[in-house]
Structures are given as structure tokens and as C-alpha cells.
């Protein structure tokens, strides 16, 4: 997919997810969600990730807060990627995303629209923006797994 996307297409996908996010929602019933706050001290990013699972399947994943274009679009795309996936599958998606960001060999097909961030590593100041949501979700899943094994 990355070889077929022009810079203009990449910008448009990011802008679409920023201006019209699918998974940005205010959650009033927080008690049914695992919630993690994530923020960046270098950018305006100040978001919450909301996760609801059942029988090891991610049923819902939303985010809310203030974010720059890269954080908002990457987090919105991430939420769409993990819904209806097992926690293990979600972690695999996130790990492939991190490989891409670190310019390592990765499985492009797993990332779908998240592939638009393939060149973010060339702008080091934007790496945190592109990974803040992914890091938060990864930590949420791992933390929940540790609690369940305790």
C-alpha cells in the first residue's frame, strides 16, 4: 500500500481522520471501560483512550481529547484497526506499527491505513505524536493481561 500512496493521498487520509474522526467520542459511562490518559509535553496532545473487552476480544476502542493532526489521525486509525480483534492480534498490529516507525521490516498488510505513517520517522519530533495512542493502547492491553494473571 505504501508504494501506491502519493504524498497528497497520505495527507488527505491523515486530514480526514483529524477533521472527521470515526472513533473520537465522549464517554460518560467510564466504569465499563479501561481508561488511560496519555499526554505529550512537546505537543498539544492530551488524550484518553477507552477500551472495552469481552472474552479477550476488543469490543470497543475510542479516544477523546485534544491532539495534533498526527496524534488524532494515528489514534483514530488505531482504534479502527483493533476493534473485533483479540488482545493478542491487537498487540501484533501495534508491534508491526512500531517496527514501521523504527524503520524495521514490518508486515504492511496488517497496518492497513496506518501505513500512512511510514515516513514519520524522518521527522523525529513527530514520532511521539504518531505513537502516543499506540503506546497507550499497548500498555492498557499488557497491564490488563498482567492483572488477569495475578
N, C-alpha and C. Protein backbone atom coordinates (compact mmCIF):
# COMPACT_ATOMS: atom_id res chain seq x y z
N UNK A 1 0.81 -1.20 0.00
CA UNK A 1 0.00 0.00 0.00
C UNK A 1 0.86 1.27 0.00
N UNK A 2 1.97 1.27 0.75
CA UNK A 2 2.79 2.47 0.85
C UNK A 2 3.36 2.87 -0.50
N UNK A 3 3.62 1.90 -1.35
CA UNK A 3 4.19 2.22 -2.65
C UNK A 3 3.17 2.84 -3.58
N UNK A 4 1.89 2.69 -3.28
CA UNK A 4 0.86 3.22 -4.15
C UNK A 4 0.27 4.53 -3.64
N UNK A 5 0.65 4.96 -2.46
CA UNK A 5 0.10 6.20 -1.90
C UNK A 5 1.02 7.38 -2.21
N UNK A 6 0.45 8.38 -2.83
CA UNK A 6 1.21 9.61 -3.06
C UNK A 6 1.23 10.42 -1.77
N UNK A 7 2.11 11.40 -1.71
CA UNK A 7 2.17 12.27 -0.54
C UNK A 7 0.83 12.98 -0.33
N UNK A 8 0.19 13.34 -1.42
CA UNK A 8 -1.12 14.01 -1.33
C UNK A 8 -2.18 13.08 -0.74
N UNK A 9 -2.16 11.80 -1.13
CA UNK A 9 -3.10 10.83 -0.58
C UNK A 9 -2.85 10.62 0.91
N UNK A 10 -1.59 10.54 1.28
CA UNK A 10 -1.23 10.36 2.69
C UNK A 10 -1.76 11.54 3.51
N UNK A 11 -1.52 12.75 3.04
CA UNK A 11 -2.00 13.95 3.74
C UNK A 11 -3.52 13.93 3.85
N UNK A 12 -4.19 13.51 2.79
CA UNK A 12 -5.65 13.52 2.79
C UNK A 12 -6.22 12.50 3.79
N UNK A 13 -5.62 11.32 3.86
CA UNK A 13 -6.08 10.30 4.82
C UNK A 13 -5.90 10.83 6.25
N UNK A 14 -4.74 11.41 6.52
CA UNK A 14 -4.50 11.97 7.86
C UNK A 14 -5.50 13.08 8.17
N UNK A 15 -5.69 13.97 7.23
CA UNK A 15 -6.60 15.10 7.44
C UNK A 15 -8.04 14.63 7.63
N UNK A 16 -8.44 13.62 6.88
CA UNK A 16 -9.80 13.07 7.03
C UNK A 16 -10.02 12.54 8.44
N UNK A 17 -9.04 11.80 8.96
CA UNK A 17 -9.16 11.24 10.32
C UNK A 17 -9.06 12.32 11.39
N UNK A 18 -8.40 13.42 11.08
CA UNK A 18 -8.30 14.54 12.02
C UNK A 18 -9.59 15.35 12.05
N UNK A 19 -10.10 15.67 10.87
CA UNK A 19 -11.29 16.52 10.78
C UNK A 19 -12.59 15.77 11.07
N UNK A 20 -12.63 14.52 10.71
CA UNK A 20 -13.84 13.70 10.89
C UNK A 20 -13.50 12.35 11.51
N UNK A 21 -12.99 12.36 12.74
CA UNK A 21 -12.58 11.10 13.35
C UNK A 21 -13.77 10.17 13.59
N UNK A 22 -13.58 8.92 13.29
CA UNK A 22 -14.63 7.91 13.46
C UNK A 22 -14.73 7.47 14.91
N UNK A 23 -13.62 7.41 15.61
CA UNK A 23 -13.58 6.80 16.94
C UNK A 23 -13.33 7.80 18.07
N UNK A 24 -13.49 9.08 17.79
CA UNK A 24 -13.37 10.09 18.85
C UNK A 24 -14.76 10.28 19.45
N UNK A 25 -14.89 9.93 20.73
CA UNK A 25 -16.19 10.00 21.39
C UNK A 25 -16.03 10.39 22.84
N UNK A 26 -16.96 11.15 23.31
CA UNK A 26 -17.03 11.44 24.75
C UNK A 26 -17.72 10.25 25.40
N UNK A 27 -17.09 9.66 26.38
CA UNK A 27 -17.64 8.51 27.08
C UNK A 27 -18.10 8.97 28.46
N UNK A 28 -19.39 8.88 28.70
CA UNK A 28 -19.90 9.30 30.01
C UNK A 28 -19.91 8.13 30.99
N UNK A 29 -20.06 6.91 30.48
CA UNK A 29 -20.13 5.71 31.32
C UNK A 29 -18.74 5.07 31.39
N UNK A 30 -17.81 5.75 32.02
CA UNK A 30 -16.41 5.29 32.05
C UNK A 30 -16.21 4.01 32.84
N UNK A 31 -17.13 3.65 33.71
CA UNK A 31 -16.92 2.48 34.57
C UNK A 31 -16.88 1.18 33.78
N UNK A 32 -17.42 1.17 32.58
CA UNK A 32 -17.40 -0.04 31.75
C UNK A 32 -16.18 -0.11 30.83
N UNK A 33 -15.27 0.83 30.98
CA UNK A 33 -14.10 0.89 30.11
C UNK A 33 -12.81 0.89 30.94
N UNK A 34 -11.77 0.39 30.33
CA UNK A 34 -10.43 0.61 30.84
C UNK A 34 -10.03 1.95 30.22
N UNK A 35 -9.54 2.86 31.03
CA UNK A 35 -9.22 4.20 30.55
C UNK A 35 -7.77 4.52 30.86
N UNK A 36 -7.09 5.09 29.87
CA UNK A 36 -5.71 5.52 30.09
C UNK A 36 -5.55 6.92 29.53
N UNK A 37 -4.95 7.77 30.33
CA UNK A 37 -4.65 9.15 29.92
C UNK A 37 -3.23 9.18 29.36
N UNK A 38 -3.06 9.83 28.23
CA UNK A 38 -1.73 9.97 27.63
C UNK A 38 -1.56 11.41 27.18
N UNK A 39 -0.39 11.95 27.44
CA UNK A 39 -0.14 13.32 27.01
C UNK A 39 1.31 13.49 26.61
N UNK A 40 1.53 14.50 25.83
CA UNK A 40 2.88 14.83 25.39
C UNK A 40 3.23 16.20 25.94
N UNK A 41 4.44 16.34 26.41
CA UNK A 41 4.89 17.64 26.93
C UNK A 41 5.48 18.48 25.80
N UNK A 42 5.61 17.90 24.62
CA UNK A 42 6.20 18.61 23.48
C UNK A 42 5.15 19.08 22.47
N UNK A 43 3.90 18.71 22.67
CA UNK A 43 2.85 19.00 21.70
C UNK A 43 1.55 19.23 22.48
N UNK A 44 0.47 19.53 21.80
CA UNK A 44 -0.81 19.77 22.48
C UNK A 44 -1.50 18.48 22.91
N UNK A 45 -0.94 17.36 22.55
CA UNK A 45 -1.58 16.07 22.77
C UNK A 45 -1.92 15.82 24.23
N UNK A 46 -3.20 15.60 24.48
CA UNK A 46 -3.70 15.32 25.81
C UNK A 46 -4.97 14.48 25.60
N UNK A 47 -4.80 13.16 25.55
CA UNK A 47 -5.90 12.29 25.14
C UNK A 47 -6.19 11.21 26.18
N UNK A 48 -7.37 10.65 26.08
CA UNK A 48 -7.77 9.47 26.84
C UNK A 48 -8.12 8.38 25.84
N UNK A 49 -7.70 7.17 26.13
CA UNK A 49 -8.06 6.00 25.33
C UNK A 49 -9.04 5.19 26.17
N UNK A 50 -10.13 4.75 25.55
CA UNK A 50 -11.16 3.96 26.22
C UNK A 50 -11.22 2.60 25.55
N UNK A 51 -11.14 1.56 26.35
CA UNK A 51 -11.10 0.20 25.84
C UNK A 51 -12.12 -0.66 26.57
N UNK A 52 -12.90 -1.41 25.79
CA UNK A 52 -13.85 -2.36 26.37
C UNK A 52 -13.60 -3.70 25.70
N UNK A 53 -13.37 -4.71 26.54
CA UNK A 53 -13.13 -6.06 26.03
C UNK A 53 -14.13 -7.04 26.63
N UNK A 54 -14.30 -8.14 25.95
CA UNK A 54 -15.16 -9.21 26.44
C UNK A 54 -14.61 -10.52 25.88
N UNK A 55 -14.34 -11.46 26.77
CA UNK A 55 -13.79 -12.76 26.35
C UNK A 55 -12.57 -12.60 25.45
N UNK A 56 -11.67 -11.69 25.85
CA UNK A 56 -10.41 -11.50 25.15
C UNK A 56 -10.54 -10.78 23.80
N UNK A 57 -11.73 -10.32 23.45
CA UNK A 57 -11.96 -9.60 22.20
C UNK A 57 -12.16 -8.12 22.50
N UNK A 58 -11.54 -7.27 21.71
CA UNK A 58 -11.74 -5.83 21.86
C UNK A 58 -13.07 -5.48 21.20
N UNK A 59 -14.03 -5.12 22.03
CA UNK A 59 -15.35 -4.77 21.52
C UNK A 59 -15.41 -3.30 21.09
N UNK A 60 -14.79 -2.44 21.90
CA UNK A 60 -14.82 -1.02 21.60
C UNK A 60 -13.48 -0.39 21.95
N UNK A 61 -13.11 0.58 21.15
CA UNK A 61 -11.90 1.35 21.39
C UNK A 61 -12.16 2.75 20.88
N UNK A 62 -12.13 3.71 21.79
CA UNK A 62 -12.38 5.10 21.45
C UNK A 62 -11.29 5.97 22.02
N UNK A 63 -11.28 7.20 21.61
CA UNK A 63 -10.37 8.18 22.18
C UNK A 63 -11.08 9.52 22.27
N UNK A 64 -10.56 10.38 23.11
CA UNK A 64 -11.10 11.72 23.24
C UNK A 64 -9.99 12.63 23.74
N UNK A 65 -10.12 13.89 23.50
CA UNK A 65 -9.16 14.86 23.99
C UNK A 65 -8.69 15.79 22.90
N UNK A 66 -7.62 16.49 23.19
CA UNK A 66 -7.04 17.45 22.26
C UNK A 66 -5.77 16.83 21.68
N UNK A 67 -5.62 16.95 20.37
CA UNK A 67 -4.47 16.32 19.72
C UNK A 67 -4.13 17.02 18.42
N UNK A 68 -2.87 16.96 18.06
CA UNK A 68 -2.42 17.47 16.77
C UNK A 68 -2.90 16.53 15.66
N UNK A 69 -2.69 16.91 14.44
CA UNK A 69 -3.16 16.12 13.30
C UNK A 69 -2.60 14.69 13.35
N UNK A 70 -1.32 14.56 13.62
CA UNK A 70 -0.70 13.23 13.59
C UNK A 70 -1.22 12.36 14.73
N UNK A 71 -1.31 12.89 15.93
CA UNK A 71 -1.81 12.10 17.05
C UNK A 71 -3.28 11.73 16.83
N UNK A 72 -4.08 12.69 16.44
CA UNK A 72 -5.51 12.43 16.24
C UNK A 72 -5.73 11.40 15.15
N UNK A 73 -5.09 11.56 14.03
CA UNK A 73 -5.32 10.63 12.92
C UNK A 73 -4.74 9.24 13.21
N UNK A 74 -3.56 9.16 13.81
CA UNK A 74 -2.98 7.84 14.10
C UNK A 74 -3.81 7.11 15.16
N UNK A 75 -4.28 7.84 16.17
CA UNK A 75 -5.09 7.20 17.21
C UNK A 75 -6.43 6.76 16.66
N UNK A 76 -7.03 7.56 15.81
CA UNK A 76 -8.31 7.20 15.20
C UNK A 76 -8.16 5.95 14.33
N UNK A 77 -7.13 5.91 13.52
CA UNK A 77 -6.87 4.74 12.67
C UNK A 77 -6.62 3.51 13.54
N UNK A 78 -5.84 3.68 14.59
CA UNK A 78 -5.52 2.57 15.51
C UNK A 78 -6.79 1.96 16.08
N UNK A 79 -7.69 2.82 16.55
CA UNK A 79 -8.94 2.30 17.14
C UNK A 79 -9.68 1.42 16.15
N UNK A 80 -9.78 1.86 14.92
CA UNK A 80 -10.46 1.06 13.89
C UNK A 80 -9.76 -0.25 13.60
N UNK A 81 -8.45 -0.26 13.71
CA UNK A 81 -7.68 -1.48 13.43
C UNK A 81 -7.90 -2.58 14.46
N UNK A 82 -8.15 -2.21 15.72
CA UNK A 82 -8.16 -3.22 16.78
C UNK A 82 -9.55 -3.71 17.18
N UNK A 83 -10.60 -2.99 16.81
CA UNK A 83 -11.95 -3.42 17.18
C UNK A 83 -12.25 -4.78 16.54
N UNK A 84 -12.82 -5.66 17.33
CA UNK A 84 -13.15 -7.05 16.95
C UNK A 84 -11.93 -7.95 16.79
N UNK A 85 -10.80 -7.49 17.29
CA UNK A 85 -9.59 -8.31 17.29
C UNK A 85 -9.37 -8.85 18.71
N UNK A 86 -8.67 -9.96 18.80
CA UNK A 86 -8.26 -10.43 20.13
C UNK A 86 -7.19 -9.48 20.64
N UNK A 87 -6.95 -9.53 21.93
CA UNK A 87 -5.90 -8.69 22.50
C UNK A 87 -4.55 -9.04 21.88
N UNK A 88 -4.33 -10.32 21.64
CA UNK A 88 -3.08 -10.76 21.03
C UNK A 88 -2.94 -10.19 19.61
N UNK A 89 -4.02 -10.24 18.84
CA UNK A 89 -3.99 -9.68 17.48
C UNK A 89 -3.74 -8.18 17.52
N UNK A 90 -4.37 -7.50 18.47
CA UNK A 90 -4.17 -6.05 18.61
C UNK A 90 -2.71 -5.75 18.93
N UNK A 91 -2.12 -6.52 19.82
CA UNK A 91 -0.71 -6.32 20.16
C UNK A 91 0.18 -6.57 18.94
N UNK A 92 -0.16 -7.56 18.13
CA UNK A 92 0.63 -7.82 16.92
C UNK A 92 0.54 -6.64 15.95
N UNK A 93 -0.63 -6.06 15.80
CA UNK A 93 -0.80 -4.89 14.94
C UNK A 93 0.08 -3.75 15.47
N UNK A 94 0.00 -3.50 16.76
CA UNK A 94 0.76 -2.42 17.38
C UNK A 94 2.26 -2.67 17.23
N UNK A 95 2.70 -3.89 17.42
CA UNK A 95 4.12 -4.22 17.27
C UNK A 95 4.59 -4.01 15.84
N UNK A 96 3.76 -4.35 14.86
CA UNK A 96 4.12 -4.10 13.46
C UNK A 96 4.20 -2.60 13.18
N UNK A 97 3.31 -1.84 13.78
CA UNK A 97 3.32 -0.39 13.63
C UNK A 97 4.63 0.18 14.20
N UNK A 98 5.02 -0.29 15.39
CA UNK A 98 6.28 0.18 15.99
C UNK A 98 7.47 -0.18 15.10
N UNK A 99 7.46 -1.38 14.52
CA UNK A 99 8.54 -1.76 13.61
C UNK A 99 8.61 -0.77 12.44
N UNK A 100 7.44 -0.43 11.88
CA UNK A 100 7.41 0.51 10.76
C UNK A 100 7.99 1.85 11.19
N UNK A 101 7.57 2.34 12.34
CA UNK A 101 8.05 3.64 12.83
C UNK A 101 9.56 3.60 13.07
N UNK A 102 10.07 2.47 13.52
CA UNK A 102 11.51 2.31 13.78
C UNK A 102 12.29 1.95 12.53
N UNK A 103 11.63 1.95 11.38
CA UNK A 103 12.23 1.65 10.08
C UNK A 103 12.80 0.23 10.01
N UNK A 104 12.12 -0.68 10.68
CA UNK A 104 12.47 -2.10 10.61
C UNK A 104 11.53 -2.78 9.62
N UNK A 105 11.85 -4.00 9.29
CA UNK A 105 10.99 -4.76 8.39
C UNK A 105 9.66 -5.04 9.12
N UNK A 106 8.55 -4.80 8.41
CA UNK A 106 7.23 -4.97 9.02
C UNK A 106 6.25 -5.54 8.00
N UNK A 107 5.13 -6.03 8.51
CA UNK A 107 4.08 -6.60 7.66
C UNK A 107 3.10 -5.50 7.28
N UNK A 108 3.26 -5.01 6.09
CA UNK A 108 2.49 -3.87 5.60
C UNK A 108 0.99 -4.13 5.58
N UNK A 109 0.58 -5.33 5.20
CA UNK A 109 -0.86 -5.62 5.05
C UNK A 109 -1.62 -5.54 6.37
N UNK A 110 -0.97 -5.82 7.48
CA UNK A 110 -1.60 -5.77 8.80
C UNK A 110 -1.99 -4.34 9.17
N UNK A 111 -1.24 -3.37 8.68
CA UNK A 111 -1.40 -1.99 9.13
C UNK A 111 -2.50 -1.21 8.40
N UNK A 112 -2.94 -1.69 7.29
CA UNK A 112 -3.98 -1.02 6.51
C UNK A 112 -3.70 0.48 6.40
N UNK A 113 -4.64 1.34 6.82
CA UNK A 113 -4.46 2.79 6.68
C UNK A 113 -3.31 3.34 7.52
N UNK A 114 -2.92 2.65 8.56
CA UNK A 114 -1.82 3.14 9.41
C UNK A 114 -0.51 3.24 8.64
N UNK A 115 -0.47 2.66 7.46
CA UNK A 115 0.72 2.73 6.62
C UNK A 115 1.05 4.18 6.24
N UNK A 116 0.09 5.08 6.37
CA UNK A 116 0.35 6.48 6.02
C UNK A 116 1.42 7.11 6.90
N UNK A 117 1.75 6.47 8.00
CA UNK A 117 2.77 7.00 8.91
C UNK A 117 4.15 6.40 8.65
N UNK A 118 4.32 5.77 7.51
CA UNK A 118 5.56 5.07 7.18
C UNK A 118 6.78 6.01 7.18
N UNK A 119 6.59 7.26 6.88
CA UNK A 119 7.72 8.18 6.80
C UNK A 119 7.86 9.08 8.02
N UNK A 120 7.06 8.85 9.05
CA UNK A 120 7.09 9.73 10.21
C UNK A 120 8.45 9.71 10.92
N UNK A 121 9.18 8.63 10.80
CA UNK A 121 10.49 8.53 11.46
C UNK A 121 11.49 9.53 10.90
N UNK A 122 11.20 10.06 9.73
CA UNK A 122 12.08 11.06 9.14
C UNK A 122 11.88 12.44 9.79
N UNK A 123 10.83 12.55 10.60
CA UNK A 123 10.55 13.77 11.36
C UNK A 123 10.53 13.38 12.84
N UNK A 124 11.69 13.31 13.44
CA UNK A 124 11.81 12.78 14.80
C UNK A 124 10.88 13.45 15.80
N UNK A 125 10.60 14.71 15.62
CA UNK A 125 9.71 15.41 16.56
C UNK A 125 8.28 14.88 16.48
N UNK A 126 7.94 14.20 15.40
CA UNK A 126 6.58 13.69 15.21
C UNK A 126 6.41 12.23 15.60
N UNK A 127 7.48 11.55 15.91
CA UNK A 127 7.40 10.13 16.29
C UNK A 127 6.53 9.96 17.53
N UNK A 128 6.73 10.81 18.53
CA UNK A 128 5.91 10.73 19.75
C UNK A 128 4.43 10.92 19.41
N UNK A 129 4.15 11.88 18.53
CA UNK A 129 2.76 12.14 18.12
C UNK A 129 2.15 10.91 17.44
N UNK A 130 2.92 10.26 16.62
CA UNK A 130 2.43 9.11 15.86
C UNK A 130 2.31 7.85 16.70
N UNK A 131 2.92 7.84 17.88
CA UNK A 131 2.92 6.62 18.69
C UNK A 131 2.20 6.76 20.03
N UNK A 132 1.78 7.94 20.40
CA UNK A 132 1.21 8.13 21.74
C UNK A 132 -0.03 7.27 21.96
N UNK A 133 -0.93 7.21 21.00
CA UNK A 133 -2.12 6.37 21.13
C UNK A 133 -1.78 4.89 21.11
N UNK A 134 -0.88 4.50 20.21
CA UNK A 134 -0.46 3.10 20.10
C UNK A 134 0.22 2.64 21.38
N UNK A 135 1.09 3.49 21.95
CA UNK A 135 1.75 3.14 23.21
C UNK A 135 0.73 2.98 24.33
N UNK A 136 -0.22 3.89 24.39
CA UNK A 136 -1.24 3.84 25.44
C UNK A 136 -2.05 2.55 25.34
N UNK A 137 -2.51 2.22 24.16
CA UNK A 137 -3.32 1.01 23.99
C UNK A 137 -2.50 -0.24 24.30
N UNK A 138 -1.28 -0.28 23.84
CA UNK A 138 -0.40 -1.43 24.09
C UNK A 138 -0.23 -1.63 25.60
N UNK A 139 0.03 -0.53 26.31
CA UNK A 139 0.21 -0.60 27.76
C UNK A 139 -1.08 -1.02 28.45
N UNK A 140 -2.22 -0.58 27.95
CA UNK A 140 -3.51 -0.97 28.53
C UNK A 140 -3.72 -2.47 28.41
N UNK A 141 -3.47 -2.99 27.23
CA UNK A 141 -3.68 -4.43 26.99
C UNK A 141 -2.72 -5.25 27.83
N UNK A 142 -1.46 -4.85 27.87
CA UNK A 142 -0.46 -5.59 28.65
C UNK A 142 -0.76 -5.51 30.14
N UNK A 143 -1.18 -4.34 30.62
CA UNK A 143 -1.50 -4.17 32.02
C UNK A 143 -2.71 -5.00 32.42
N UNK A 144 -3.71 -5.05 31.56
CA UNK A 144 -4.90 -5.87 31.84
C UNK A 144 -4.53 -7.35 31.88
N UNK A 145 -3.65 -7.76 30.97
CA UNK A 145 -3.23 -9.17 30.95
C UNK A 145 -2.49 -9.52 32.24
N UNK A 146 -1.66 -8.61 32.72
CA UNK A 146 -0.93 -8.86 33.97
C UNK A 146 -1.88 -8.95 35.15
N UNK A 147 -2.89 -8.09 35.19
CA UNK A 147 -3.89 -8.13 36.28
C UNK A 147 -4.66 -9.46 36.27
N UNK A 148 -5.00 -9.92 35.08
CA UNK A 148 -5.77 -11.15 34.97
C UNK A 148 -4.95 -12.38 35.31
N UNK A 149 -3.63 -12.28 35.18
CA UNK A 149 -2.75 -13.41 35.52
C UNK A 149 -2.34 -13.40 36.99
N UNK A 150 -2.63 -12.29 37.67
CA UNK A 150 -2.22 -12.17 39.08
C UNK A 150 -3.14 -12.95 39.99
